[in-house]
């Protein structure tokens, strides 16, 4: 709803077109009151005391609508200010007995009340033209300061029960539509973050907006309104925008304290332009031209520095690529598939290096091209490093296997006593070397990542393993020392075997002298032991063996 009644009723208030405050008593019965409201005889439906209002329904229409030029009033705007009140029998109004178009409208020109629809037809002052939104928006009703009489026929449920009301439309003295738009644009500028515009230009805009808003709330002539709009527009266009300069300063400032090394000439140029930009930021009333130039100069200094840095980064990447290209690692023990993959990567790297090294010297090469070349060069370097890493992993696996085998040989702890001193010393020397190689190999396995170092360590371990194996195989057993001859032993006369004792048949007891003789015969002369045939046989066997050993010894001596 347009703002046409709240501001400019010129002290009259929302006074309805009430022709009299007197009321006619109604029936106590609501149904009978509704019946009266639907009367078909116009004369009996309205009061005769001079107000002319319906006996049951009181219509309140503003005496004057204030219309802002540029914002045509509509039928709905007119309807939204009308209220209908149902009066009680004693002339009072109960809660809920007031109806309006906003809450009870039918969406067109009617207000729904209990039992009765009340609708309105609007006409021009002569009552000859039925008013529509289009007619109210025409130039006929758009004269600055113009006043127009409007007639409204109110119908109370039936066409023949109606009442004529009259009110006025009063136009403002100026069309403030464009002024309002300019103020909205200016307020959007004023809401930007602090520092977006220079303080002086921002202050001019704030003052012009304040004056423009004052005119929105009053009714000046069109010339005054147009002048206020022009002042605001000029202040908007005169804003000194610091956005580009602020962005450049915020980008450049951290480079002074990040601790990095930059190309000296480009860095010194950046420092100079940054100082000039910061000075302008803090100056009074800088022009937009000065601000734009400072922003452009600082941005260019940033680009120059970034380009110099990009050249250095590309040179470093190409140097690393060249180093890898010339490396020629030891791949003697590498599998054929990895060798082929490495050789292809190196071949492609050489071609790429030659192309980029020449093109980077081109005059006017852009920062984007330099950065792209750096990315691509690093990608080629990364590819070669990945192939090398695969070669290193393969070499480590082989080194681990060789170390395990060498450690197994070292851990045998051979007893060298049965071998000649020379061969044992040779083995000991190789064992010491093998331990040193194994220790170095373990270190290489744990720490080395370069294929050449891993391969060299692998070769040493394999050679150490072979040398230790050869030294072990070359061990010579000591010769057996000759046995000292055994002195001959005088043969022992064989002892007459003792017949097994046979128990004699019982005889008469012998004489004591005979028994003593017999006892003497059973004692051996050398040991005084009693006779034992198993011991005698064992002794003979030992003697016979000793004699044989003596004979063998003599044969060896004779030989």
Protein backbone atom coordinates (compact mmCIF):
# COMPACT_ATOMS: atom_id res chain seq x y z
CA UNK A 1 0.00 0.00 0.00
CA UNK A 2 1.36 3.39 -0.96
CA UNK A 3 2.26 5.85 1.74
CA UNK A 4 -0.30 8.46 1.03
CA UNK A 5 -2.44 8.88 4.19
CA UNK A 6 0.08 8.53 7.01
CA UNK A 7 2.17 11.55 6.10
CA UNK A 8 0.00 14.21 4.51
CA UNK A 9 -3.51 14.50 5.87
CA UNK A 10 -2.55 18.07 6.82
CA UNK A 11 -3.88 17.87 10.33
CA UNK A 12 -7.29 16.62 9.42
CA UNK A 13 -6.74 13.05 10.67
CA UNK A 14 -8.59 10.00 9.49
CA UNK A 15 -11.91 11.72 9.75
CA UNK A 16 -14.71 9.91 7.97
CA UNK A 17 -17.27 11.56 5.93
CA UNK A 18 -19.73 11.51 8.77
CA UNK A 19 -22.54 13.95 8.32
CA UNK A 20 -23.92 13.56 11.81
CA UNK A 21 -22.98 11.79 15.00
CA UNK A 22 -26.50 10.89 15.84
CA UNK A 23 -27.50 7.27 15.71
CA UNK A 24 -30.81 5.62 15.24
CA UNK A 25 -31.67 2.93 17.74
CA UNK A 26 -31.65 -0.53 16.26
CA UNK A 27 -33.54 -3.64 17.14
CA UNK A 28 -32.13 -5.63 20.06
CA UNK A 29 -32.28 -8.69 17.93
CA UNK A 30 -29.25 -9.05 15.63
CA UNK A 31 -31.23 -10.96 13.08
CA UNK A 32 -33.72 -8.13 12.87
CA UNK A 33 -30.80 -5.70 12.51
CA UNK A 34 -29.46 -7.65 9.54
CA UNK A 35 -32.89 -7.64 8.06
CA UNK A 36 -33.00 -3.88 8.34
CA UNK A 37 -29.51 -3.72 6.66
CA UNK A 38 -30.90 -5.57 3.68
CA UNK A 39 -33.88 -3.31 3.15
CA UNK A 40 -34.70 -2.62 -0.44
CA UNK A 41 -36.25 0.77 0.17
CA UNK A 42 -33.40 3.30 0.17
CA UNK A 43 -35.21 5.95 2.20
CA UNK A 44 -36.03 3.67 5.14
CA UNK A 45 -32.45 2.24 5.25
CA UNK A 46 -30.73 5.54 6.06
CA UNK A 47 -30.89 7.97 8.89
CA UNK A 48 -33.01 11.09 8.58
CA UNK A 49 -31.11 13.22 11.07
CA UNK A 50 -28.73 14.77 8.59
CA UNK A 51 -25.81 12.26 8.58
CA UNK A 52 -27.26 10.17 5.81
CA UNK A 53 -25.42 7.06 7.11
CA UNK A 54 -27.04 3.65 6.96
CA UNK A 55 -28.91 2.83 10.10
CA UNK A 56 -26.85 -0.36 10.63
CA UNK A 57 -23.56 0.31 8.80
CA UNK A 58 -21.32 3.30 9.33
CA UNK A 59 -18.83 4.06 6.49
CA UNK A 60 -15.60 5.91 7.34
CA UNK A 61 -13.70 7.35 4.33
CA UNK A 62 -10.78 9.86 4.65
CA UNK A 63 -11.71 13.35 3.54
CA UNK A 64 -8.45 13.66 1.64
CA UNK A 65 -5.87 11.21 0.26
CA UNK A 66 -2.36 12.56 -0.23
CA UNK A 67 -0.76 11.15 -3.37
CA UNK A 68 2.97 11.17 -4.06
CA UNK A 69 3.68 12.04 -7.66
CA UNK A 70 5.37 9.19 -9.41
CA UNK A 71 3.48 6.70 -7.22
CA UNK A 72 -0.04 6.63 -8.65
CA UNK A 73 -2.80 5.75 -6.25
CA UNK A 74 -4.85 2.63 -7.01
CA UNK A 75 -8.38 1.49 -6.23
CA UNK A 76 -6.95 -0.89 -3.67
CA UNK A 77 -5.14 2.04 -2.05
CA UNK A 78 -8.44 3.88 -1.75
CA UNK A 79 -10.20 0.81 -0.36
CA UNK A 80 -7.45 0.12 2.18
CA UNK A 81 -8.31 3.36 4.04
CA UNK A 82 -12.04 2.64 4.33
CA UNK A 83 -13.63 1.00 7.38
CA UNK A 84 -17.16 -0.29 7.96
CA UNK A 85 -18.63 -0.38 11.46
CA UNK A 86 -21.78 -2.25 12.51
CA UNK A 87 -23.72 -0.32 15.17
CA UNK A 88 -25.54 -1.92 18.04
CA UNK A 89 -29.11 -1.13 19.06
CA UNK A 90 -27.92 1.36 21.64
CA UNK A 91 -25.49 3.05 19.25
CA UNK A 92 -22.40 1.28 20.63
CA UNK A 93 -19.81 -0.70 18.72
CA UNK A 94 -18.70 -4.09 20.03
CA UNK A 95 -15.30 -5.73 19.53
CA UNK A 96 -15.16 -7.41 16.17
CA UNK A 97 -17.85 -5.19 14.64
CA UNK A 98 -15.38 -3.11 12.58
CA UNK A 99 -14.41 -4.36 9.12
CA UNK A 100 -11.85 -3.14 6.59
CA UNK A 101 -10.61 -4.00 3.14
CA UNK A 102 -7.26 -5.36 4.32
CA UNK A 103 -8.80 -7.97 6.64
CA UNK A 104 -12.23 -8.48 5.09
CA UNK A 105 -11.84 -7.36 1.48
CA UNK A 106 -12.92 -9.50 -1.44
CA UNK A 107 -9.82 -8.55 -3.49
CA UNK A 108 -11.70 -6.11 -5.70
CA UNK A 109 -13.93 -3.29 -4.37
CA UNK A 110 -15.92 -5.01 -1.67
CA UNK A 111 -15.80 -5.55 2.09
CA UNK A 112 -17.45 -8.65 3.50
CA UNK A 113 -19.48 -8.20 6.70
CA UNK A 114 -21.77 -10.70 8.45
CA UNK A 115 -24.77 -11.16 6.18
CA UNK A 116 -24.02 -8.19 3.90
CA UNK A 117 -21.41 -7.43 1.23
CA UNK A 118 -20.70 -3.73 0.93
CA UNK A 119 -19.05 -2.61 -2.29
CA UNK A 120 -17.83 0.68 -3.73
CA UNK A 121 -17.82 2.31 -7.20
CA UNK A 122 -15.55 5.33 -7.73
CA UNK A 123 -16.23 8.13 -10.23
CA UNK A 124 -14.69 11.43 -11.25
CA UNK A 125 -15.98 14.72 -9.90
CA UNK A 126 -18.67 14.94 -12.56
CA UNK A 127 -19.74 11.39 -11.83
CA UNK A 128 -19.45 10.52 -15.50
CA UNK A 129 -16.28 8.38 -15.58
CA UNK A 130 -15.91 5.11 -13.70
CA UNK A 131 -12.38 5.19 -12.22
CA UNK A 132 -9.84 2.41 -12.69
CA UNK A 133 -6.15 2.03 -11.79
CA UNK A 134 -5.21 3.02 -15.32
CA UNK A 135 -7.18 6.25 -15.17
CA UNK A 136 -5.76 7.19 -11.77
CA UNK A 137 -2.23 6.68 -13.15
CA UNK A 138 -2.86 8.88 -16.19
CA UNK A 139 -1.57 12.42 -16.58
CA UNK A 140 -5.02 13.73 -15.71
CA UNK A 141 -4.36 12.92 -12.07
CA UNK A 142 -0.59 13.63 -12.11
CA UNK A 143 -0.38 17.41 -11.95
CA UNK A 144 2.03 18.62 -9.22
CA UNK A 145 -0.01 20.00 -6.33
CA UNK A 146 -3.27 19.03 -8.07
CA UNK A 147 -6.48 18.38 -6.11
CA UNK A 148 -9.25 16.11 -7.44
CA UNK A 149 -12.76 15.37 -6.20
CA UNK A 150 -13.74 11.71 -6.19
CA UNK A 151 -17.26 10.37 -5.81
CA UNK A 152 -17.89 6.96 -4.27
CA UNK A 153 -21.18 5.09 -4.48
CA UNK A 154 -21.52 2.63 -1.61
CA UNK A 155 -23.89 -0.32 -2.07
CA UNK A 156 -25.26 -2.15 0.99
CA UNK A 157 -25.95 -5.66 -0.21
CA UNK A 158 -28.26 -4.57 -3.05
CA UNK A 159 -28.01 -2.24 -5.99
CA UNK A 160 -30.96 -0.12 -4.85
CA UNK A 161 -29.60 0.38 -1.33
CA UNK A 162 -26.76 2.80 -1.86
CA UNK A 163 -25.19 6.01 -0.60
CA UNK A 164 -22.97 8.62 -2.30
CA UNK A 165 -19.79 9.82 -0.57
CA UNK A 166 -17.34 12.50 -1.75
CA UNK A 167 -13.62 12.95 -0.91
CA UNK A 168 -10.48 14.45 -2.50
CA UNK A 169 -7.11 13.34 -3.89
CA UNK A 170 -4.29 15.82 -3.21
CA UNK A 171 -1.04 15.44 -5.19
CA UNK A 172 2.38 16.34 -3.78
CA UNK A 173 4.18 19.31 -5.25
CA UNK A 174 6.96 17.20 -6.77
CA UNK A 175 7.82 13.75 -8.05
CA UNK A 176 10.43 12.33 -5.69
CA UNK A 177 10.82 8.98 -7.43
CA UNK A 178 14.27 9.71 -8.86
CA UNK A 179 15.44 11.35 -5.65
CA UNK A 180 14.46 8.22 -3.75
CA UNK A 181 16.44 6.04 -6.19
CA UNK A 182 19.52 8.22 -5.83
CA UNK A 183 19.30 8.01 -2.05
CA UNK A 184 19.10 4.20 -2.21
CA UNK A 185 22.24 4.07 -4.37
CA UNK A 186 24.05 6.43 -2.04
CA UNK A 187 23.11 4.42 1.03
CA UNK A 188 24.54 1.29 -0.57
CA UNK A 189 27.83 3.14 -0.95
CA UNK A 190 27.72 4.33 2.65
CA UNK A 191 27.29 0.75 3.87
CA UNK A 192 30.58 -0.45 2.33
CA UNK A 193 33.42 -1.52 4.69
CA UNK A 194 35.47 1.22 6.28
CA UNK A 195 38.33 2.34 4.08
CA UNK A 196 36.59 1.60 0.79
CA UNK A 197 36.35 5.33 0.00
CA UNK A 198 38.37 8.33 1.09
CA UNK A 199 37.06 10.05 4.20
CA UNK A 200 36.54 13.41 2.52
CA UNK A 201 34.49 12.09 -0.38
CA UNK A 202 32.47 9.91 1.97
CA UNK A 203 31.62 12.86 4.16
CA UNK A 204 30.30 14.87 1.18
CA UNK A 205 28.03 11.97 0.26
CA UNK A 206 26.68 11.63 3.80
CA UNK A 207 25.75 15.32 3.89
CA UNK A 208 23.95 15.20 0.54
CA UNK A 209 21.96 12.09 1.55
CA UNK A 210 20.86 13.73 4.80
CA UNK A 211 19.50 16.74 2.84
CA UNK A 212 17.74 14.49 0.33
CA UNK A 213 16.01 12.51 3.08
CA UNK A 214 14.77 15.79 4.54
CA UNK A 215 13.03 16.57 1.26
CA UNK A 216 11.50 13.09 1.14
CA UNK A 217 9.71 13.88 4.40
CA UNK A 218 8.43 17.27 3.27
CA UNK A 219 6.70 18.63 0.18
CA UNK A 220 9.15 20.89 -1.70
CA UNK A 221 8.76 21.93 -5.33
CA UNK A 222 10.19 19.92 -8.19
CA UNK A 223 13.19 22.20 -8.65
CA UNK A 224 14.33 21.67 -5.07
CA UNK A 225 13.89 17.92 -5.37
CA UNK A 226 15.83 17.81 -8.64
CA UNK A 227 18.67 19.84 -7.12
CA UNK A 228 18.91 17.48 -4.13
CA UNK A 229 19.06 14.51 -6.48
CA UNK A 230 21.82 16.11 -8.54
CA UNK A 231 23.84 16.84 -5.41
CA UNK A 232 23.63 13.20 -4.30
CA UNK A 233 24.53 11.90 -7.76
CA UNK A 234 27.54 14.20 -7.88
CA UNK A 235 28.70 13.04 -4.46
CA UNK A 236 28.37 9.40 -5.53
CA UNK A 237 30.38 9.95 -8.69
CA UNK A 238 32.93 11.93 -6.67
CA UNK A 239 33.66 9.10 -4.27
CA UNK A 240 37.34 8.26 -4.33
CA UNK A 241 37.42 4.48 -4.47
CA UNK A 242 40.42 3.04 -2.65
CA UNK A 243 39.56 -0.63 -3.26
CA UNK A 244 42.22 -1.39 -5.90
CA UNK A 245 44.89 0.53 -3.98
CA UNK A 246 44.01 -1.20 -0.69
CA UNK A 247 44.15 -4.62 -2.35
CA UNK A 248 47.56 -3.93 -3.86
CA UNK A 249 48.93 -2.67 -0.53
CA UNK A 250 47.55 -5.68 1.37
CA UNK A 251 49.15 -8.02 -1.19
CA UNK A 252 52.54 -6.33 -1.21
CA UNK A 253 53.01 -5.60 2.50
CA UNK A 254 53.57 -9.22 3.71
CA UNK A 255 56.43 -9.60 1.21
CA UNK A 256 58.51 -7.19 3.28
CA UNK A 257 58.48 -9.40 6.38
CA UNK A 258 58.15 -13.00 5.14
CA UNK A 259 61.92 -13.57 5.40
CA UNK A 260 62.28 -14.85 1.83
CA UNK A 261 65.01 -13.88 -0.58
CA UNK A 262 63.77 -12.05 -3.67
CA UNK A 263 65.57 -10.75 -6.77
CA UNK A 264 67.08 -7.46 -5.55
CA UNK A 265 66.11 -5.14 -8.38
CA UNK A 266 62.48 -6.25 -8.48
CA UNK A 267 62.25 -6.18 -4.69
CA UNK A 268 63.62 -2.64 -4.42
CA UNK A 269 61.10 -1.46 -7.02
CA UNK A 270 58.25 -2.98 -5.04
CA UNK A 271 59.37 -1.29 -1.81
CA UNK A 272 59.44 2.09 -3.55
CA UNK A 273 55.94 1.76 -5.04
CA UNK A 274 54.52 0.42 -1.79
CA UNK A 275 55.80 3.43 0.14
CA UNK A 276 54.18 5.81 -2.36
CA UNK A 277 50.85 3.96 -2.15
CA UNK A 278 50.82 4.00 1.66
CA UNK A 279 51.52 7.73 1.67
CA UNK A 280 48.60 8.38 -0.66
CA UNK A 281 46.29 6.28 1.53
CA UNK A 282 46.93 8.64 4.42
CA UNK A 283 46.79 11.89 2.45
CA UNK A 284 43.93 14.41 2.61
CA UNK A 285 41.54 14.53 -0.33
CA UNK A 286 43.42 12.44 -2.93
CA UNK A 287 41.96 12.45 -6.42
CA UNK A 288 40.71 9.28 -8.07
CA UNK A 289 43.34 9.73 -10.76
CA UNK A 290 46.18 9.77 -8.23
CA UNK A 291 44.78 6.76 -6.44
CA UNK A 292 44.36 4.77 -9.66
CA UNK A 293 47.92 5.56 -10.78
CA UNK A 294 49.39 4.50 -7.43
CA UNK A 295 47.38 1.26 -7.52
CA UNK A 296 48.52 0.55 -11.09
CA UNK A 297 52.17 1.24 -10.29
CA UNK A 298 52.13 -0.99 -7.21
CA UNK A 299 50.31 -3.78 -9.05
CA UNK A 300 52.90 -3.63 -11.84
CA UNK A 301 55.73 -3.78 -9.29
CA UNK A 302 54.12 -6.86 -7.79
CA UNK A 303 53.89 -8.47 -11.23
CA UNK A 304 57.54 -7.64 -11.93
CA UNK A 305 58.61 -9.23 -8.65
CA UNK A 306 56.47 -12.31 -9.23
CA UNK A 307 57.90 -12.65 -12.74
CA UNK A 308 61.46 -12.47 -11.42
CA UNK A 309 60.63 -15.06 -8.78
CA UNK A 310 59.03 -17.26 -11.45
CA UNK A 311 62.21 -17.03 -13.56
CA UNK A 312 64.28 -18.14 -10.57
CA UNK A 313 61.92 -20.99 -9.77
CA UNK A 314 62.02 -22.21 -13.37
CA UNK A 315 65.82 -21.98 -13.48
CA UNK A 316 66.04 -24.05 -10.30
CA UNK A 317 63.66 -26.67 -11.67
CA UNK A 318 65.60 -26.88 -14.94
CA UNK A 319 68.89 -27.18 -13.04
CA UNK A 320 67.51 -30.13 -11.10
CA UNK A 321 66.29 -31.71 -14.33
CA UNK A 322 69.71 -31.28 -15.93
CA UNK A 323 71.36 -32.82 -12.89
CA UNK A 324 69.16 -35.89 -13.17
CA UNK A 325 69.74 -36.07 -16.91
CA UNK A 326 73.51 -36.15 -16.43
CA UNK A 327 73.49 -38.43 -13.40
CA UNK A 328 74.05 -41.78 -15.17
CA UNK A 329 73.40 -44.03 -12.15
CA UNK A 330 74.90 -47.49 -11.76
CA UNK A 331 72.18 -49.84 -13.05
CA UNK A 332 74.34 -52.94 -13.61
CA UNK A 333 72.21 -55.08 -11.29
CA UNK A 334 68.85 -53.44 -12.17
CA UNK A 335 66.14 -55.42 -13.95
CA UNK A 336 65.77 -54.85 -17.69
CA UNK A 337 62.23 -53.52 -17.39
CA UNK A 338 63.26 -50.76 -14.97
CA UNK A 339 66.31 -49.94 -17.04
CA UNK A 340 64.12 -49.44 -20.09
CA UNK A 341 61.67 -47.27 -18.17
CA UNK A 342 64.48 -45.11 -16.79
CA UNK A 343 66.11 -44.65 -20.20
CA UNK A 344 62.81 -43.54 -21.75
CA UNK A 345 62.21 -41.01 -18.98
CA UNK A 346 65.70 -39.58 -19.36
CA UNK A 347 65.33 -39.34 -23.13
CA UNK A 348 62.04 -37.44 -22.82
CA UNK A 349 63.57 -35.18 -20.15
CA UNK A 350 66.39 -34.19 -22.47
CA UNK A 351 64.00 -33.11 -25.20
CA UNK A 352 61.83 -31.20 -22.74
CA UNK A 353 64.83 -29.43 -21.21
CA UNK A 354 66.07 -28.21 -24.54
CA UNK A 355 62.65 -26.82 -25.55
CA UNK A 356 61.96 -24.98 -22.31
CA UNK A 357 65.48 -23.63 -21.88
CA UNK A 358 65.21 -21.83 -25.20
CA UNK A 359 61.59 -20.63 -24.92
CA UNK A 360 62.03 -19.07 -21.46
CA UNK A 361 64.42 -16.55 -23.01
CA UNK A 362 61.64 -15.23 -25.27
CA UNK A 363 61.00 -11.52 -24.81
CA UNK A 364 57.66 -10.73 -23.23
CA UNK A 365 57.09 -14.21 -21.88
CA UNK A 366 54.21 -13.97 -19.42
CA UNK A 367 54.13 -14.79 -15.75
CA UNK A 368 51.54 -17.47 -16.49
CA UNK A 369 53.84 -19.16 -19.03
CA UNK A 370 56.77 -19.15 -16.62
CA UNK A 371 54.70 -20.63 -13.83
CA UNK A 372 53.28 -23.25 -16.18
CA UNK A 373 56.77 -24.23 -17.38
CA UNK A 374 57.90 -24.54 -13.76
CA UNK A 375 55.02 -26.84 -12.94
CA UNK A 376 55.70 -29.00 -15.99
CA UNK A 377 59.45 -29.16 -15.29
CA UNK A 378 58.83 -30.23 -11.72
CA UNK A 379 56.46 -32.88 -13.04
CA UNK A 380 59.19 -34.31 -15.31
CA UNK A 381 61.64 -34.26 -12.40
CA UNK A 382 59.08 -36.04 -10.22
CA UNK A 383 58.65 -38.75 -12.86
CA UNK A 384 62.37 -39.47 -12.98
CA UNK A 385 62.58 -39.52 -9.19
CA UNK A 386 59.73 -42.03 -9.02
CA UNK A 387 61.54 -44.34 -11.47
CA UNK A 388 64.72 -43.96 -9.43
CA UNK A 389 62.79 -44.78 -6.29
CA UNK A 390 61.50 -47.98 -7.91
CA UNK A 391 65.06 -48.90 -8.90
CA UNK A 392 66.25 -48.19 -5.38
CA UNK A 393 63.55 -50.39 -3.86
CA UNK A 394 64.47 -53.24 -6.16
CA UNK A 395 68.14 -52.77 -5.28
CA UNK A 396 67.34 -52.76 -1.57
CA UNK A 397 65.48 -56.02 -1.87
CA UNK A 398 68.51 -57.60 -3.52
CA UNK A 399 70.83 -56.01 -0.95
CA UNK A 400 68.73 -57.42 1.90
CA UNK A 401 68.96 -60.91 0.46
CA UNK A 402 72.74 -60.67 -0.04
CA UNK A 403 73.23 -59.30 3.49
CA UNK A 404 71.25 -62.16 4.96
CA UNK A 405 73.44 -64.67 3.14
CA UNK A 406 76.67 -62.90 4.17
CA UNK A 407 75.55 -62.67 7.79
CA UNK A 408 74.80 -66.38 7.76
CA UNK A 409 78.40 -67.12 6.67
CA UNK A 410 79.78 -64.74 9.27
CA UNK A 411 77.71 -66.37 11.98
CA UNK A 412 79.12 -69.88 11.42
CA UNK A 413 81.94 -69.29 13.99
CA UNK A 414 84.24 -71.95 12.52
CA UNK A 415 86.76 -73.75 14.75
CA UNK A 416 90.05 -73.05 12.97
CA UNK A 417 92.23 -75.23 15.17
CA UNK A 418 92.18 -78.21 12.80
CA UNK A 419 93.54 -76.07 9.94
CA UNK A 420 96.95 -74.82 8.98
CA UNK A 421 97.98 -71.45 10.29
CA UNK A 422 98.22 -69.88 6.82
CA UNK A 423 94.80 -70.97 5.63
CA UNK A 424 93.22 -70.09 8.97
CA UNK A 425 94.79 -66.62 8.86
CA UNK A 426 93.50 -66.08 5.31
CA UNK A 427 90.00 -67.03 6.41
CA UNK A 428 90.25 -64.76 9.48
CA UNK A 429 91.27 -61.82 7.30
CA UNK A 430 88.36 -62.36 4.93
CA UNK A 431 85.99 -62.75 7.88
CA UNK A 432 87.06 -59.35 9.28
CA UNK A 433 86.56 -57.71 5.88
CA UNK A 434 83.19 -59.40 5.50
CA UNK A 435 82.04 -58.00 8.86
CA UNK A 436 83.03 -54.49 7.80
CA UNK A 437 81.22 -54.85 4.47
CA UNK A 438 78.14 -56.26 6.21
CA UNK A 439 78.02 -53.33 8.66
CA UNK A 440 78.37 -50.83 5.82
CA UNK A 441 75.72 -52.71 3.86
CA UNK A 442 73.26 -52.56 6.76
CA UNK A 443 73.79 -48.79 6.95
CA UNK A 444 73.24 -48.43 3.23
CA UNK A 445 70.10 -50.53 3.42
CA UNK A 446 68.69 -48.39 6.21
CA UNK A 447 69.63 -44.95 4.88
CA UNK A 448 70.46 -44.89 1.19
CA UNK A 449 67.87 -43.93 -1.43
CA UNK A 450 70.12 -43.45 -4.44
CA UNK A 451 70.30 -46.40 -6.85
CA UNK A 452 74.05 -45.99 -7.41
CA UNK A 453 74.92 -46.12 -3.72
CA UNK A 454 72.63 -49.12 -3.20
CA UNK A 455 74.06 -50.94 -6.19
CA UNK A 456 77.65 -50.26 -5.11
CA UNK A 457 76.87 -51.59 -1.64
CA UNK A 458 75.23 -54.65 -3.16
CA UNK A 459 78.32 -55.34 -5.27
CA UNK A 460 80.56 -55.11 -2.19
CA UNK A 461 78.34 -57.47 -0.22
CA UNK A 462 78.26 -60.02 -3.04
CA UNK A 463 82.05 -59.83 -3.42
CA UNK A 464 82.55 -60.17 0.34
CA UNK A 465 80.27 -63.18 0.42
CA UNK A 466 82.22 -64.83 -2.42
CA UNK A 467 85.62 -64.04 -0.87
CA UNK A 468 84.57 -65.46 2.50
CA UNK A 469 83.13 -68.56 0.85
CA UNK A 470 86.35 -69.03 -1.10
CA UNK A 471 88.47 -68.60 2.04
CA UNK A 472 86.35 -71.15 3.81
CA UNK A 473 86.76 -73.63 0.97
CA UNK A 474 90.54 -73.02 0.96
CA UNK A 475 91.06 -74.05 4.58
CA UNK A 476 93.77 -76.78 4.78
CA UNK A 477 93.72 -79.42 7.50
CA UNK A 478 96.85 -79.87 9.59
CA UNK A 479 98.93 -83.11 8.89
CA UNK A 480 98.61 -85.96 11.47
CA UNK A 481 101.78 -86.18 13.71
CA UNK A 482 103.56 -89.64 13.65
CA UNK A 483 102.96 -91.87 16.68
CA UNK A 484 106.04 -92.49 18.94
CA UNK A 485 107.25 -96.12 18.80
CA UNK A 486 106.25 -98.35 21.69
CA UNK A 487 108.96 -100.30 23.47
CA UNK A 488 108.65 -104.05 22.93
CA UNK A 489 107.08 -105.95 25.74
CA UNK A 490 108.56 -109.26 26.80
CA UNK A 491 106.20 -112.00 25.98
CA UNK A 492 104.44 -113.53 28.87
CA UNK A 493 104.49 -117.24 29.13
CA UNK A 494 101.13 -118.58 28.64
CA UNK A 495 99.46 -119.77 31.73
CA UNK A 496 98.24 -123.20 31.70
CA UNK A 497 94.54 -123.05 31.71
CA UNK A 498 92.86 -124.17 34.84
CA UNK A 499 90.46 -126.90 34.36
CA UNK A 500 87.09 -126.22 35.66
CA UNK A 501 86.72 -127.35 39.18
CA UNK A 502 85.08 -130.67 39.41
CA UNK A 503 83.63 -131.57 42.63
CA UNK A 504 85.21 -134.92 43.62
CA UNK A 505 83.23 -137.52 45.04
CA UNK A 506 83.27 -137.42 48.73
CA UNK A 507 86.54 -138.81 50.01
CA UNK A 508 87.94 -139.33 53.25
CA UNK A 509 89.27 -136.08 54.75
CA UNK A 510 92.83 -135.47 53.67
CA UNK A 511 95.59 -134.83 55.86
CA UNK A 512 96.42 -131.27 56.90
CA UNK A 513 99.69 -131.30 54.96
CA UNK A 514 97.95 -132.32 51.73
CA UNK A 515 95.33 -129.53 52.11
CA UNK A 516 98.00 -126.84 52.47
CA UNK A 517 99.68 -127.97 49.25
CA UNK A 518 96.44 -127.80 47.38
CA UNK A 519 95.75 -124.29 48.59
CA UNK A 520 99.15 -123.12 47.42
CA UNK A 521 98.51 -124.34 43.92
CA UNK A 522 95.42 -122.08 43.49
CA UNK A 523 97.21 -118.71 44.13
CA UNK A 524 98.85 -116.85 41.19
CA UNK A 525 102.48 -116.11 41.74
CA UNK A 526 102.41 -112.41 40.61
CA UNK A 527 99.31 -111.01 42.27
CA UNK A 528 98.56 -113.50 45.01
CA UNK A 529 94.99 -113.42 43.62
CA UNK A 530 93.06 -116.46 43.17
CA UNK A 531 92.89 -117.87 39.60
CA UNK A 532 90.23 -116.04 37.20
CA UNK A 533 90.12 -117.37 33.63
CA UNK A 534 88.21 -114.14 32.21
CA UNK A 535 90.86 -111.81 33.55
CA UNK A 536 93.65 -113.97 32.08
CA UNK A 537 92.01 -113.91 28.65
CA UNK A 538 91.58 -110.11 28.80
CA UNK A 539 95.18 -109.64 29.79
CA UNK A 540 96.36 -111.82 26.90
CA UNK A 541 94.22 -109.83 24.52
CA UNK A 542 95.71 -106.50 25.72
CA UNK A 543 99.23 -107.86 25.38
CA UNK A 544 98.55 -109.26 21.95
CA UNK A 545 97.11 -105.87 20.86
CA UNK A 546 100.14 -104.06 22.24
CA UNK A 547 102.45 -106.37 20.39
CA UNK A 548 100.59 -105.86 17.17
CA UNK A 549 100.72 -102.09 17.67
CA UNK A 550 104.48 -102.35 18.19
CA UNK A 551 104.86 -104.32 14.99
CA UNK A 552 102.81 -101.72 13.08
CA UNK A 553 104.96 -98.95 14.50
CA UNK A 554 108.11 -100.67 13.36
CA UNK A 555 106.69 -101.07 9.86
CA UNK A 556 105.95 -97.34 9.66
CA UNK A 557 109.47 -96.57 10.82
CA UNK A 558 110.97 -98.93 8.31
CA UNK A 559 108.88 -97.35 5.61
